[in-house]
């Protein structure tokens, strides 16, 4: 049951319907839909990152969507600072697929110094295998070694501070929002159901202007911008610059989304065992979600 006096946390893989659930709760019980997706914080790539439309945002208050310039760095620490004042305001309904944001919110985050520009540049020039070779075994065992951003962060922390990411995490302060004080939901989206939804969603993005959005961003394109990691951005820019066909860009983006969804499901299974699981597609939002005042 979802109580109107408690914050709500919703995690789920890409294209699983978690944003629709958050909006449904906000319209039914009230509250502010707060973004916890690392790519949806940036401006510029609105369609490609599936940020809520103007029409959806008109149905309920939304926060932390598109509030960061596309060419700036933005970390989980930045997000925690941005979300902190929202926890004291109208009841937050925090939704996203970035598990690290939600885990940091409910478990705490180590106060690691920001990465110096020269360390970041050095890390950018290394391959994934070189980065992996440069981090300690304990940290390596606790992160997604296929996720370059996570591996690079671990390398940067060890290189700059002389302390491993695992060591910093062992000194984590109390969380901003303990799990026991919120209604925490993780959407379970089986592969056979989610895969065609991912394809349909990218086709819908193309119909509603994703290619035109990419053309508008091409003049300032830099693959090192954090926002450039948005799935679909690299592929559509490659088409615009004549490297691949639109069909090839579409197929590559869909495959990348499917791979990302797999990594998300793995994270949620490992890190969110104490959350309430909402099984899709068997759940009907209009009848199966129980609300209490």
C-alpha atoms as a PDB file:
ATOM      1  CA  UNK A   1       0.000   0.000   0.000  1.00  0.00           C
ATOM      2  CA  UNK A   2       1.132   3.542  -0.743  1.00  0.00           C
ATOM      3  CA  UNK A   3       0.582   6.069   2.024  1.00  0.00           C
ATOM      4  CA  UNK A   4       0.117   9.722   1.166  1.00  0.00           C
ATOM      5  CA  UNK A   5       2.281  10.890   4.080  1.00  0.00           C
ATOM      6  CA  UNK A   6       5.455   9.049   3.067  1.00  0.00           C
ATOM      7  CA  UNK A   7       7.983   9.712   0.315  1.00  0.00           C
ATOM      8  CA  UNK A   8       7.896   7.230  -2.550  1.00  0.00           C
ATOM      9  CA  UNK A   9      10.929   5.770  -4.309  1.00  0.00           C
ATOM     10  CA  UNK A  10      10.504   4.054  -7.678  1.00  0.00           C
ATOM     11  CA  UNK A  11      13.337   2.240  -9.452  1.00  0.00           C
ATOM     12  CA  UNK A  12      13.117   0.329 -12.697  1.00  0.00           C
ATOM     13  CA  UNK A  13      14.903  -0.381 -15.957  1.00  0.00           C
ATOM     14  CA  UNK A  14      14.565   1.851 -18.974  1.00  0.00           C
ATOM     15  CA  UNK A  15      11.152   1.776 -20.701  1.00  0.00           C
ATOM     16  CA  UNK A  16       9.553  -0.191 -17.849  1.00  0.00           C
ATOM     17  CA  UNK A  17       6.796   2.328 -17.120  1.00  0.00           C
ATOM     18  CA  UNK A  18       8.192   3.700 -13.853  1.00  0.00           C
ATOM     19  CA  UNK A  19       7.625   7.336 -14.860  1.00  0.00           C
ATOM     20  CA  UNK A  20       3.985   6.584 -15.645  1.00  0.00           C
ATOM     21  CA  UNK A  21       3.658   5.012 -12.189  1.00  0.00           C
ATOM     22  CA  UNK A  22       5.191   8.076 -10.519  1.00  0.00           C
ATOM     23  CA  UNK A  23       2.826  10.392 -12.381  1.00  0.00           C
ATOM     24  CA  UNK A  24      -0.141   8.157 -11.491  1.00  0.00           C
ATOM     25  CA  UNK A  25       0.748   8.356  -7.787  1.00  0.00           C
ATOM     26  CA  UNK A  26       1.241  12.136  -7.955  1.00  0.00           C
ATOM     27  CA  UNK A  27      -2.137  12.639  -9.623  1.00  0.00           C
ATOM     28  CA  UNK A  28      -3.907  10.237  -7.262  1.00  0.00           C
ATOM     29  CA  UNK A  29      -2.371  11.299  -3.952  1.00  0.00           C
ATOM     30  CA  UNK A  30      -0.424  14.462  -4.647  1.00  0.00           C
ATOM     31  CA  UNK A  31       3.298  15.071  -4.475  1.00  0.00           C
ATOM     32  CA  UNK A  32       6.246  16.194  -6.583  1.00  0.00           C
ATOM     33  CA  UNK A  33       7.760  13.836  -9.173  1.00  0.00           C
ATOM     34  CA  UNK A  34      11.524  14.061  -8.619  1.00  0.00           C
ATOM     35  CA  UNK A  35      13.996  12.795 -11.196  1.00  0.00           C
ATOM     36  CA  UNK A  36      16.612  10.178 -10.253  1.00  0.00           C
ATOM     37  CA  UNK A  37      17.928   9.485 -13.749  1.00  0.00           C
ATOM     38  CA  UNK A  38      21.512  10.576 -14.453  1.00  0.00           C
ATOM     39  CA  UNK A  39      20.813  11.540 -18.077  1.00  0.00           C
ATOM     40  CA  UNK A  40      17.465  13.286 -17.576  1.00  0.00           C
ATOM     41  CA  UNK A  41      19.105  15.965 -15.421  1.00  0.00           C
ATOM     42  CA  UNK A  42      20.706  17.518 -18.518  1.00  0.00           C
ATOM     43  CA  UNK A  43      19.156  20.009 -20.875  1.00  0.00           C
ATOM     44  CA  UNK A  44      19.531  19.568 -24.628  1.00  0.00           C
ATOM     45  CA  UNK A  45      18.725  15.870 -24.956  1.00  0.00           C
ATOM     46  CA  UNK A  46      15.092  15.906 -23.906  1.00  0.00           C
ATOM     47  CA  UNK A  47      13.573  13.437 -26.387  1.00  0.00           C
ATOM     48  CA  UNK A  48      16.500  11.005 -26.465  1.00  0.00           C
ATOM     49  CA  UNK A  49      16.578  10.742 -22.663  1.00  0.00           C
ATOM     50  CA  UNK A  50      12.769  10.340 -22.458  1.00  0.00           C
ATOM     51  CA  UNK A  51      12.266  13.272 -20.115  1.00  0.00           C
ATOM     52  CA  UNK A  52       8.593  13.942 -19.289  1.00  0.00           C
ATOM     53  CA  UNK A  53       6.821  16.010 -21.911  1.00  0.00           C
ATOM     54  CA  UNK A  54       5.325  19.456 -21.252  1.00  0.00           C
ATOM     55  CA  UNK A  55       1.906  17.822 -21.190  1.00  0.00           C
ATOM     56  CA  UNK A  56       2.976  15.301 -18.543  1.00  0.00           C
ATOM     57  CA  UNK A  57       4.658  17.965 -16.429  1.00  0.00           C
ATOM     58  CA  UNK A  58       1.477  20.012 -16.532  1.00  0.00           C
ATOM     59  CA  UNK A  59      -0.379  17.171 -14.766  1.00  0.00           C
ATOM     60  CA  UNK A  60       1.772  17.281 -11.606  1.00  0.00           C
ATOM     61  CA  UNK A  61       4.797  19.177 -10.261  1.00  0.00           C
ATOM     62  CA  UNK A  62       8.172  17.847 -11.472  1.00  0.00           C
ATOM     63  CA  UNK A  63      11.707  18.604 -10.274  1.00  0.00           C
ATOM     64  CA  UNK A  64      15.345  18.017 -11.325  1.00  0.00           C
ATOM     65  CA  UNK A  65      14.555  17.443 -14.995  1.00  0.00           C
ATOM     66  CA  UNK A  66      16.807  19.245 -17.487  1.00  0.00           C
ATOM     67  CA  UNK A  67      18.191  21.619 -14.860  1.00  0.00           C
ATOM     68  CA  UNK A  68      21.886  21.015 -15.651  1.00  0.00           C
ATOM     69  CA  UNK A  69      23.624  22.463 -18.759  1.00  0.00           C
ATOM     70  CA  UNK A  70      24.527  19.656 -21.176  1.00  0.00           C
ATOM     71  CA  UNK A  71      28.239  20.483 -21.115  1.00  0.00           C
ATOM     72  CA  UNK A  72      28.730  20.399 -17.334  1.00  0.00           C
ATOM     73  CA  UNK A  73      29.840  17.489 -15.174  1.00  0.00           C
ATOM     74  CA  UNK A  74      27.247  16.148 -12.754  1.00  0.00           C
ATOM     75  CA  UNK A  75      27.682  13.417 -10.167  1.00  0.00           C
ATOM     76  CA  UNK A  76      25.669  11.538  -7.573  1.00  0.00           C
ATOM     77  CA  UNK A  77      27.037  14.019  -5.027  1.00  0.00           C
ATOM     78  CA  UNK A  78      25.591  16.914  -7.032  1.00  0.00           C
ATOM     79  CA  UNK A  79      22.254  15.110  -7.217  1.00  0.00           C
ATOM     80  CA  UNK A  80      22.147  14.512  -3.459  1.00  0.00           C
ATOM     81  CA  UNK A  81      22.746  18.212  -2.846  1.00  0.00           C
ATOM     82  CA  UNK A  82      19.993  19.117  -5.303  1.00  0.00           C
ATOM     83  CA  UNK A  83      17.482  16.652  -3.888  1.00  0.00           C
ATOM     84  CA  UNK A  84      18.082  17.531  -0.215  1.00  0.00           C
ATOM     85  CA  UNK A  85      15.798  20.624  -0.050  1.00  0.00           C
ATOM     86  CA  UNK A  86      13.079  18.725  -1.905  1.00  0.00           C
ATOM     87  CA  UNK A  87      12.908  16.154   0.892  1.00  0.00           C
ATOM     88  CA  UNK A  88      11.678  18.879   3.265  1.00  0.00           C
ATOM     89  CA  UNK A  89       8.994  20.209   0.932  1.00  0.00           C
ATOM     90  CA  UNK A  90       5.914  18.659  -0.647  1.00  0.00           C
ATOM     91  CA  UNK A  91       5.920  14.858  -0.538  1.00  0.00           C
ATOM     92  CA  UNK A  92       8.536  13.656  -3.053  1.00  0.00           C
ATOM     93  CA  UNK A  93       7.952  10.798  -5.485  1.00  0.00           C
ATOM     94  CA  UNK A  94      11.503  10.022  -6.563  1.00  0.00           C
ATOM     95  CA  UNK A  95      11.762   7.991  -9.755  1.00  0.00           C
ATOM     96  CA  UNK A  96      14.596   6.859 -11.984  1.00  0.00           C
ATOM     97  CA  UNK A  97      16.759   4.125 -13.343  1.00  0.00           C
ATOM     98  CA  UNK A  98      20.076   5.278 -11.889  1.00  0.00           C
ATOM     99  CA  UNK A  99      20.451   2.831  -9.042  1.00  0.00           C
ATOM    100  CA  UNK A 100      23.476   4.635  -7.630  1.00  0.00           C
ATOM    101  CA  UNK A 101      21.410   7.773  -6.999  1.00  0.00           C
ATOM    102  CA  UNK A 102      18.715   5.857  -5.137  1.00  0.00           C
ATOM    103  CA  UNK A 103      21.175   3.746  -3.171  1.00  0.00           C
ATOM    104  CA  UNK A 104      23.147   6.844  -2.155  1.00  0.00           C
ATOM    105  CA  UNK A 105      19.923   8.497  -1.017  1.00  0.00           C
ATOM    106  CA  UNK A 106      18.820   5.562   1.147  1.00  0.00           C
ATOM    107  CA  UNK A 107      22.210   4.166   2.225  1.00  0.00           C
ATOM    108  CA  UNK A 108      24.417   7.257   2.346  1.00  0.00           C
ATOM    109  CA  UNK A 109      27.320   8.446   0.204  1.00  0.00           C
ATOM    110  CA  UNK A 110      30.976   8.792   1.089  1.00  0.00           C
ATOM    111  CA  UNK A 111      32.253  12.384   1.048  1.00  0.00           C
ATOM    112  CA  UNK A 112      34.876  11.865  -1.670  1.00  0.00           C
ATOM    113  CA  UNK A 113      36.679  14.979  -2.979  1.00  0.00           C
ATOM    114  CA  UNK A 114      35.741  16.015  -6.527  1.00  0.00           C
ATOM    115  CA  UNK A 115      38.013  14.808  -9.296  1.00  0.00           C
ATOM    116  CA  UNK A 116      40.703  17.249 -10.394  1.00  0.00           C
ATOM    117  CA  UNK A 117      40.637  18.179 -14.110  1.00  0.00           C
ATOM    118  CA  UNK A 118      44.089  16.697 -14.813  1.00  0.00           C
ATOM    119  CA  UNK A 119      43.118  13.375 -13.227  1.00  0.00           C
ATOM    120  CA  UNK A 120      39.887  13.321 -15.243  1.00  0.00           C
ATOM    121  CA  UNK A 121      41.773  14.009 -18.476  1.00  0.00           C
ATOM    122  CA  UNK A 122      44.253  11.240 -17.734  1.00  0.00           C
ATOM    123  CA  UNK A 123      41.411   8.819 -17.048  1.00  0.00           C
ATOM    124  CA  UNK A 124      39.609   9.800 -20.241  1.00  0.00           C
ATOM    125  CA  UNK A 125      42.663   8.755 -22.259  1.00  0.00           C
ATOM    126  CA  UNK A 126      42.798   5.241 -20.784  1.00  0.00           C
ATOM    127  CA  UNK A 127      40.979   2.181 -22.077  1.00  0.00           C
ATOM    128  CA  UNK A 128      38.520   0.274 -19.896  1.00  0.00           C
ATOM    129  CA  UNK A 129      41.035  -2.537 -19.416  1.00  0.00           C
ATOM    130  CA  UNK A 130      43.724  -0.047 -18.351  1.00  0.00           C
ATOM    131  CA  UNK A 131      41.363   1.548 -15.855  1.00  0.00           C
ATOM    132  CA  UNK A 132      40.420  -1.849 -14.441  1.00  0.00           C
ATOM    133  CA  UNK A 133      44.074  -2.760 -14.044  1.00  0.00           C
ATOM    134  CA  UNK A 134      44.613   0.417 -12.040  1.00  0.00           C
ATOM    135  CA  UNK A 135      42.040  -0.186  -9.302  1.00  0.00           C
ATOM    136  CA  UNK A 136      42.193  -2.441  -6.276  1.00  0.00           C
ATOM    137  CA  UNK A 137      40.644  -5.892  -6.179  1.00  0.00           C
ATOM    138  CA  UNK A 138      38.114  -5.109  -3.426  1.00  0.00           C
ATOM    139  CA  UNK A 139      36.683  -2.149  -5.330  1.00  0.00           C
ATOM    140  CA  UNK A 140      36.701  -4.080  -8.605  1.00  0.00           C
ATOM    141  CA  UNK A 141      34.634  -6.851  -7.018  1.00  0.00           C
ATOM    142  CA  UNK A 142      31.948  -4.405  -5.916  1.00  0.00           C
ATOM    143  CA  UNK A 143      31.276  -2.449  -9.124  1.00  0.00           C
ATOM    144  CA  UNK A 144      29.895  -3.170 -12.588  1.00  0.00           C
ATOM    145  CA  UNK A 145      33.160  -3.721 -14.466  1.00  0.00           C
ATOM    146  CA  UNK A 146      31.386  -3.310 -17.814  1.00  0.00           C
ATOM    147  CA  UNK A 147      30.283   0.209 -16.875  1.00  0.00           C
ATOM    148  CA  UNK A 148      33.111   2.533 -17.873  1.00  0.00           C
ATOM    149  CA  UNK A 149      31.772   5.458 -15.842  1.00  0.00           C
ATOM    150  CA  UNK A 150      31.828   3.395 -12.627  1.00  0.00           C
ATOM    151  CA  UNK A 151      35.269   1.953 -13.345  1.00  0.00           C
ATOM    152  CA  UNK A 152      36.686   5.352 -14.264  1.00  0.00           C
ATOM    153  CA  UNK A 153      35.297   6.877 -11.075  1.00  0.00           C
ATOM    154  CA  UNK A 154      37.039   4.194  -9.004  1.00  0.00           C
ATOM    155  CA  UNK A 155      40.323   4.817 -10.852  1.00  0.00           C
ATOM    156  CA  UNK A 156      40.056   8.581 -10.372  1.00  0.00           C
ATOM    157  CA  UNK A 157      39.347   8.266  -6.641  1.00  0.00           C
ATOM    158  CA  UNK A 158      42.310   5.959  -6.024  1.00  0.00           C
ATOM    159  CA  UNK A 159      44.647   8.023  -8.203  1.00  0.00           C
ATOM    160  CA  UNK A 160      43.727  11.355  -6.639  1.00  0.00           C
ATOM    161  CA  UNK A 161      43.267  10.455  -2.969  1.00  0.00           C
ATOM    162  CA  UNK A 162      45.466   7.401  -2.521  1.00  0.00           C
ATOM    163  CA  UNK A 163      42.470   5.673  -0.931  1.00  0.00           C
ATOM    164  CA  UNK A 164      40.341   3.115  -2.728  1.00  0.00           C
ATOM    165  CA  UNK A 165      36.688   3.747  -3.498  1.00  0.00           C
ATOM    166  CA  UNK A 166      35.851   0.782  -1.261  1.00  0.00           C
ATOM    167  CA  UNK A 167      37.756   2.404   1.603  1.00  0.00           C
ATOM    168  CA  UNK A 168      35.922   5.698   1.167  1.00  0.00           C
ATOM    169  CA  UNK A 169      32.590   3.883   1.054  1.00  0.00           C
ATOM    170  CA  UNK A 170      33.321   2.139   4.348  1.00  0.00           C
ATOM    171  CA  UNK A 171      33.236   5.588   6.002  1.00  0.00           C
ATOM    172  CA  UNK A 172      29.823   6.488   4.586  1.00  0.00           C
ATOM    173  CA  UNK A 173      27.709   8.944   6.649  1.00  0.00           C
ATOM    174  CA  UNK A 174      24.009   8.296   7.488  1.00  0.00           C
ATOM    175  CA  UNK A 175      21.569   8.435   4.548  1.00  0.00           C
ATOM    176  CA  UNK A 176      19.407  11.448   3.769  1.00  0.00           C
ATOM    177  CA  UNK A 177      16.318   9.241   3.465  1.00  0.00           C
ATOM    178  CA  UNK A 178      16.517   5.894   5.276  1.00  0.00           C
ATOM    179  CA  UNK A 179      14.666   3.173   3.426  1.00  0.00           C
ATOM    180  CA  UNK A 180      12.397   2.529   6.413  1.00  0.00           C
ATOM    181  CA  UNK A 181      10.977   6.055   6.090  1.00  0.00           C
ATOM    182  CA  UNK A 182       9.792   5.664   2.486  1.00  0.00           C
ATOM    183  CA  UNK A 183       7.655   3.460   0.297  1.00  0.00           C
ATOM    184  CA  UNK A 184      10.246   1.862  -1.973  1.00  0.00           C
ATOM    185  CA  UNK A 185       9.161   0.142  -5.199  1.00  0.00           C
ATOM    186  CA  UNK A 186      11.308  -1.593  -7.791  1.00  0.00           C
ATOM    187  CA  UNK A 187       9.689  -2.442 -11.118  1.00  0.00           C
ATOM    188  CA  UNK A 188      10.392  -5.991 -12.281  1.00  0.00           C
ATOM    189  CA  UNK A 189      10.318  -5.951 -16.088  1.00  0.00           C
ATOM    190  CA  UNK A 190      11.111  -9.336 -17.666  1.00  0.00           C
ATOM    191  CA  UNK A 191      13.289  -9.280 -20.764  1.00  0.00           C
ATOM    192  CA  UNK A 192      10.665 -10.776 -23.082  1.00  0.00           C
ATOM    193  CA  UNK A 193       8.227  -8.004 -22.162  1.00  0.00           C
ATOM    194  CA  UNK A 194      10.703  -5.137 -22.013  1.00  0.00           C
ATOM    195  CA  UNK A 195      12.636  -5.797 -25.240  1.00  0.00           C
ATOM    196  CA  UNK A 196       9.828  -4.877 -27.670  1.00  0.00           C
ATOM    197  CA  UNK A 197       8.886  -1.874 -25.501  1.00  0.00           C
ATOM    198  CA  UNK A 198      12.437  -0.532 -25.834  1.00  0.00           C
ATOM    199  CA  UNK A 199      12.243  -0.808 -29.634  1.00  0.00           C
ATOM    200  CA  UNK A 200       8.834   0.841 -29.772  1.00  0.00           C
ATOM    201  CA  UNK A 201       9.958   3.679 -27.533  1.00  0.00           C
ATOM    202  CA  UNK A 202      12.965   4.525 -29.682  1.00  0.00           C
ATOM    203  CA  UNK A 203      10.786   4.499 -32.791  1.00  0.00           C
ATOM    204  CA  UNK A 204       8.425   6.875 -30.990  1.00  0.00           C
ATOM    205  CA  UNK A 205      11.380   9.116 -30.161  1.00  0.00           C
ATOM    206  CA  UNK A 206      12.268   9.253 -33.854  1.00  0.00           C
ATOM    207  CA  UNK A 207       8.671  10.073 -34.750  1.00  0.00           C
ATOM    208  CA  UNK A 208       8.567  12.931 -32.256  1.00  0.00           C
ATOM    209  CA  UNK A 209      11.827  14.597 -33.245  1.00  0.00           C
ATOM    210  CA  UNK A 210      14.844  12.747 -31.839  1.00  0.00           C
ATOM    211  CA  UNK A 211      16.750  13.160 -35.107  1.00  0.00           C
ATOM    212  CA  UNK A 212      15.979  16.873 -35.237  1.00  0.00           C
ATOM    213  CA  UNK A 213      17.108  17.148 -31.609  1.00  0.00           C
ATOM    214  CA  UNK A 214      20.403  15.480 -32.522  1.00  0.00           C
ATOM    215  CA  UNK A 215      20.892  17.894 -35.430  1.00  0.00           C
ATOM    216  CA  UNK A 216      20.392  20.805 -33.034  1.00  0.00           C
ATOM    217  CA  UNK A 217      22.998  19.357 -30.653  1.00  0.00           C
ATOM    218  CA  UNK A 218      25.525  18.468 -33.376  1.00  0.00           C
ATOM    219  CA  UNK A 219      27.151  21.914 -33.445  1.00  0.00           C
ATOM    220  CA  UNK A 220      28.213  21.598 -29.798  1.00  0.00           C
ATOM    221  CA  UNK A 221      28.770  17.821 -29.798  1.00  0.00           C
ATOM    222  CA  UNK A 222      31.625  16.587 -27.668  1.00  0.00           C
ATOM    223  CA  UNK A 223      31.744  12.888 -26.741  1.00  0.00           C
ATOM    224  CA  UNK A 224      33.394  13.816 -23.428  1.00  0.00           C
ATOM    225  CA  UNK A 225      30.382  15.772 -22.214  1.00  0.00           C
ATOM    226  CA  UNK A 226      28.576  13.694 -19.564  1.00  0.00           C
ATOM    227  CA  UNK A 227      25.271  14.222 -21.380  1.00  0.00           C
ATOM    228  CA  UNK A 228      26.778  12.657 -24.513  1.00  0.00           C
ATOM    229  CA  UNK A 229      26.544   9.272 -22.791  1.00  0.00           C
ATOM    230  CA  UNK A 230      22.771   9.304 -23.300  1.00  0.00           C
ATOM    231  CA  UNK A 231      21.787   6.212 -25.261  1.00  0.00           C
ATOM    232  CA  UNK A 232      20.792   7.291 -28.750  1.00  0.00           C
ATOM    233  CA  UNK A 233      22.895  10.451 -28.745  1.00  0.00           C
ATOM    234  CA  UNK A 234      26.099   8.842 -30.021  1.00  0.00           C
ATOM    235  CA  UNK A 235      24.216   6.767 -32.565  1.00  0.00           C
ATOM    236  CA  UNK A 236      22.179   9.648 -34.014  1.00  0.00           C
ATOM    237  CA  UNK A 237      25.200  11.948 -34.163  1.00  0.00           C
ATOM    238  CA  UNK A 238      27.046   9.202 -36.057  1.00  0.00           C
ATOM    239  CA  UNK A 239      24.193   9.158 -38.581  1.00  0.00           C
ATOM    240  CA  UNK A 240      24.161  12.948 -38.916  1.00  0.00           C
ATOM    241  CA  UNK A 241      27.910  13.004 -39.600  1.00  0.00           C
ATOM    242  CA  UNK A 242      27.500  10.372 -42.302  1.00  0.00           C
ATOM    243  CA  UNK A 243      29.169   7.486 -40.483  1.00  0.00           C
ATOM    244  CA  UNK A 244      26.150   5.163 -40.413  1.00  0.00           C
ATOM    245  CA  UNK A 245      22.646   4.964 -41.856  1.00  0.00           C
ATOM    246  CA  UNK A 246      19.577   5.902 -39.841  1.00  0.00           C
ATOM    247  CA  UNK A 247      18.535   2.250 -39.717  1.00  0.00           C
ATOM    248  CA  UNK A 248      21.944   1.312 -38.338  1.00  0.00           C
ATOM    249  CA  UNK A 249      21.737   4.121 -35.768  1.00  0.00           C
ATOM    250  CA  UNK A 250      18.287   2.943 -34.716  1.00  0.00           C
ATOM    251  CA  UNK A 251      19.391  -0.661 -34.341  1.00  0.00           C
ATOM    252  CA  UNK A 252      22.529   0.287 -32.404  1.00  0.00           C
ATOM    253  CA  UNK A 253      20.586   2.512 -30.003  1.00  0.00           C
ATOM    254  CA  UNK A 254      18.006  -0.190 -29.344  1.00  0.00           C
ATOM    255  CA  UNK A 255      20.705  -2.782 -28.657  1.00  0.00           C
ATOM    256  CA  UNK A 256      22.497  -0.360 -26.312  1.00  0.00           C
ATOM    257  CA  UNK A 257      19.227   0.263 -24.456  1.00  0.00           C
ATOM    258  CA  UNK A 258      18.629  -3.466 -24.081  1.00  0.00           C
ATOM    259  CA  UNK A 259      22.134  -3.953 -22.699  1.00  0.00           C
ATOM    260  CA  UNK A 260      21.628  -1.064 -20.286  1.00  0.00           C
ATOM    261  CA  UNK A 261      18.332  -2.534 -19.096  1.00  0.00           C
ATOM    262  CA  UNK A 262      20.116  -5.796 -18.361  1.00  0.00           C
ATOM    263  CA  UNK A 263      22.706  -3.982 -16.240  1.00  0.00           C
ATOM    264  CA  UNK A 264      19.938  -2.130 -14.416  1.00  0.00           C
ATOM    265  CA  UNK A 265      18.072  -5.347 -13.601  1.00  0.00           C
ATOM    266  CA  UNK A 266      21.285  -6.861 -12.255  1.00  0.00           C
ATOM    267  CA  UNK A 267      21.892  -3.823 -10.032  1.00  0.00           C
ATOM    268  CA  UNK A 268      18.330  -3.847  -8.681  1.00  0.00           C
ATOM    269  CA  UNK A 269      18.454  -7.558  -7.889  1.00  0.00           C
ATOM    270  CA  UNK A 270      21.688  -7.133  -5.937  1.00  0.00           C
ATOM    271  CA  UNK A 271      21.100  -3.800  -4.213  1.00  0.00           C
ATOM    272  CA  UNK A 272      17.331  -3.480  -3.766  1.00  0.00           C
ATOM    273  CA  UNK A 273      16.295  -6.720  -2.150  1.00  0.00           C
ATOM    274  CA  UNK A 274      14.481  -4.829   0.603  1.00  0.00           C
ATOM    275  CA  UNK A 275      12.281  -2.941  -1.848  1.00  0.00           C
ATOM    276  CA  UNK A 276       8.730  -3.946  -2.784  1.00  0.00           C
ATOM    277  CA  UNK A 277       8.697  -5.571  -6.222  1.00  0.00           C
ATOM    278  CA  UNK A 278       6.069  -4.525  -8.746  1.00  0.00           C
ATOM    279  CA  UNK A 279       5.765  -7.161 -11.456  1.00  0.00           C
ATOM    280  CA  UNK A 280       5.139  -6.037 -15.010  1.00  0.00           C
ATOM    281  CA  UNK A 281       3.137  -6.523 -17.134  1.00  0.00           C
ATOM    282  CA  UNK A 282       0.790  -8.212 -14.632  1.00  0.00           C
ATOM    283  CA  UNK A 283       0.225  -4.991 -12.653  1.00  0.00           C
ATOM    284  CA  UNK A 284      -2.636  -2.682 -13.604  1.00  0.00           C
ATOM    285  CA  UNK A 285      -1.851   0.779 -12.241  1.00  0.00           C
ATOM    286  CA  UNK A 286      -5.508   1.748 -12.154  1.00  0.00           C
ATOM    287  CA  UNK A 287      -6.659  -1.187 -10.019  1.00  0.00           C
ATOM    288  CA  UNK A 288      -3.712  -3.025  -8.441  1.00  0.00           C
ATOM    289  CA  UNK A 289      -2.043  -0.097  -6.654  1.00  0.00           C
ATOM    290  CA  UNK A 290      -3.634   0.435  -3.240  1.00  0.00           C
ATOM    291  CA  UNK A 291      -3.567   3.918  -1.745  1.00  0.00           C
ATOM    292  CA  UNK A 292      -4.190   4.970   1.851  1.00  0.00           C
ATOM    293  CA  UNK A 293      -4.514   8.463   3.260  1.00  0.00           C
END
